[in-house]
């Protein structure tokens, strides 16, 4: 997991999305990212995007729900 969350639970925009997605693909995991980073998703090669499920969220409660549903 990488990124930033505000004290009120807001998921904040991060840099280096392409590199983080490629690392998640190598590890075989899914990813959650700030909705503001959705435009960075298009910089990721299509082959990598097809291998990973991305969730674009605004609040940490959404991340927790996604994490618990996948178990």
C-alpha atoms as a PDB file:
ATOM      1  CA  UNK A   1       0.000   0.000   0.000  1.00  0.00           C
ATOM      2  CA  UNK A   2       1.229   3.440  -0.821  1.00  0.00           C
ATOM      3  CA  UNK A   3      -0.383   6.848  -0.867  1.00  0.00           C
ATOM      4  CA  UNK A   4      -1.751   9.434   1.487  1.00  0.00           C
ATOM      5  CA  UNK A   5      -4.901   9.751   3.550  1.00  0.00           C
ATOM      6  CA  UNK A   6      -6.010  12.954   5.290  1.00  0.00           C
ATOM      7  CA  UNK A   7      -6.908  13.014   8.983  1.00  0.00           C
ATOM      8  CA  UNK A   8     -10.569  12.966   7.939  1.00  0.00           C
ATOM      9  CA  UNK A   9     -10.102   9.873   5.751  1.00  0.00           C
ATOM     10  CA  UNK A  10      -9.916  11.554   2.359  1.00  0.00           C
ATOM     11  CA  UNK A  11      -7.698   9.672  -0.115  1.00  0.00           C
ATOM     12  CA  UNK A  12      -5.225  12.147  -1.628  1.00  0.00           C
ATOM     13  CA  UNK A  13      -3.635  12.290  -5.072  1.00  0.00           C
ATOM     14  CA  UNK A  14      -0.178  10.708  -5.369  1.00  0.00           C
ATOM     15  CA  UNK A  15       2.596  10.729  -7.948  1.00  0.00           C
ATOM     16  CA  UNK A  16       4.299   7.833  -9.697  1.00  0.00           C
ATOM     17  CA  UNK A  17       1.073   5.967 -10.460  1.00  0.00           C
ATOM     18  CA  UNK A  18       2.523   4.197 -13.495  1.00  0.00           C
ATOM     19  CA  UNK A  19       5.417   2.755 -11.490  1.00  0.00           C
ATOM     20  CA  UNK A  20       3.131   1.745  -8.624  1.00  0.00           C
ATOM     21  CA  UNK A  21       0.713  -0.016 -10.970  1.00  0.00           C
ATOM     22  CA  UNK A  22       3.544  -1.909 -12.677  1.00  0.00           C
ATOM     23  CA  UNK A  23       4.789  -3.046  -9.243  1.00  0.00           C
ATOM     24  CA  UNK A  24       1.271  -4.200  -8.279  1.00  0.00           C
ATOM     25  CA  UNK A  25       1.042  -6.181 -11.525  1.00  0.00           C
ATOM     26  CA  UNK A  26       4.366  -7.899 -10.772  1.00  0.00           C
ATOM     27  CA  UNK A  27       3.143  -8.735  -7.274  1.00  0.00           C
ATOM     28  CA  UNK A  28      -0.249  -9.913  -8.547  1.00  0.00           C
ATOM     29  CA  UNK A  29      -2.420  -7.595  -6.483  1.00  0.00           C
ATOM     30  CA  UNK A  30      -5.227  -5.112  -7.100  1.00  0.00           C
ATOM     31  CA  UNK A  31      -4.940  -1.417  -6.407  1.00  0.00           C
ATOM     32  CA  UNK A  32      -6.955   1.446  -5.002  1.00  0.00           C
ATOM     33  CA  UNK A  33      -6.136   5.013  -5.915  1.00  0.00           C
ATOM     34  CA  UNK A  34      -7.532   8.492  -5.575  1.00  0.00           C
ATOM     35  CA  UNK A  35     -10.167   9.365  -8.155  1.00  0.00           C
ATOM     36  CA  UNK A  36      -8.020  12.365  -9.088  1.00  0.00           C
ATOM     37  CA  UNK A  37      -5.350   9.879 -10.258  1.00  0.00           C
ATOM     38  CA  UNK A  38      -7.714   8.252 -12.763  1.00  0.00           C
ATOM     39  CA  UNK A  39      -6.197  10.293 -15.600  1.00  0.00           C
ATOM     40  CA  UNK A  40      -2.763   8.823 -14.736  1.00  0.00           C
ATOM     41  CA  UNK A  41      -4.212   5.348 -15.363  1.00  0.00           C
ATOM     42  CA  UNK A  42      -4.022   5.956 -19.121  1.00  0.00           C
ATOM     43  CA  UNK A  43      -0.222   6.304 -18.890  1.00  0.00           C
ATOM     44  CA  UNK A  44       0.007   2.668 -17.802  1.00  0.00           C
ATOM     45  CA  UNK A  45       0.592   0.223 -20.691  1.00  0.00           C
ATOM     46  CA  UNK A  46      -2.594  -1.540 -21.789  1.00  0.00           C
ATOM     47  CA  UNK A  47      -1.111  -4.999 -21.096  1.00  0.00           C
ATOM     48  CA  UNK A  48      -0.589  -4.032 -17.449  1.00  0.00           C
ATOM     49  CA  UNK A  49      -4.041  -2.414 -17.123  1.00  0.00           C
ATOM     50  CA  UNK A  50      -5.657  -5.639 -18.322  1.00  0.00           C
ATOM     51  CA  UNK A  51      -3.921  -7.663 -15.595  1.00  0.00           C
ATOM     52  CA  UNK A  52      -5.060  -5.584 -12.630  1.00  0.00           C
ATOM     53  CA  UNK A  53      -8.334  -4.420 -11.153  1.00  0.00           C
ATOM     54  CA  UNK A  54      -8.168  -0.740 -10.230  1.00  0.00           C
ATOM     55  CA  UNK A  55     -10.495   0.999  -7.795  1.00  0.00           C
ATOM     56  CA  UNK A  56     -10.648   4.800  -7.802  1.00  0.00           C
ATOM     57  CA  UNK A  57     -11.903   6.039  -4.444  1.00  0.00           C
ATOM     58  CA  UNK A  58     -12.431   9.257  -2.498  1.00  0.00           C
ATOM     59  CA  UNK A  59     -12.518   8.049   1.112  1.00  0.00           C
ATOM     60  CA  UNK A  60     -10.680   5.427   3.157  1.00  0.00           C
ATOM     61  CA  UNK A  61     -14.029   3.762   3.991  1.00  0.00           C
ATOM     62  CA  UNK A  62     -14.292   2.755   0.325  1.00  0.00           C
ATOM     63  CA  UNK A  63     -10.813   1.196   0.466  1.00  0.00           C
ATOM     64  CA  UNK A  64     -11.728  -0.790   3.568  1.00  0.00           C
ATOM     65  CA  UNK A  65     -14.965  -2.034   1.976  1.00  0.00           C
ATOM     66  CA  UNK A  66     -13.092  -3.142  -1.170  1.00  0.00           C
ATOM     67  CA  UNK A  67     -10.387  -4.869   0.867  1.00  0.00           C
ATOM     68  CA  UNK A  68     -12.917  -6.780   2.975  1.00  0.00           C
ATOM     69  CA  UNK A  69     -15.034  -7.800  -0.025  1.00  0.00           C
ATOM     70  CA  UNK A  70     -12.042  -9.365  -1.771  1.00  0.00           C
ATOM     71  CA  UNK A  71     -11.381 -11.698   1.177  1.00  0.00           C
END
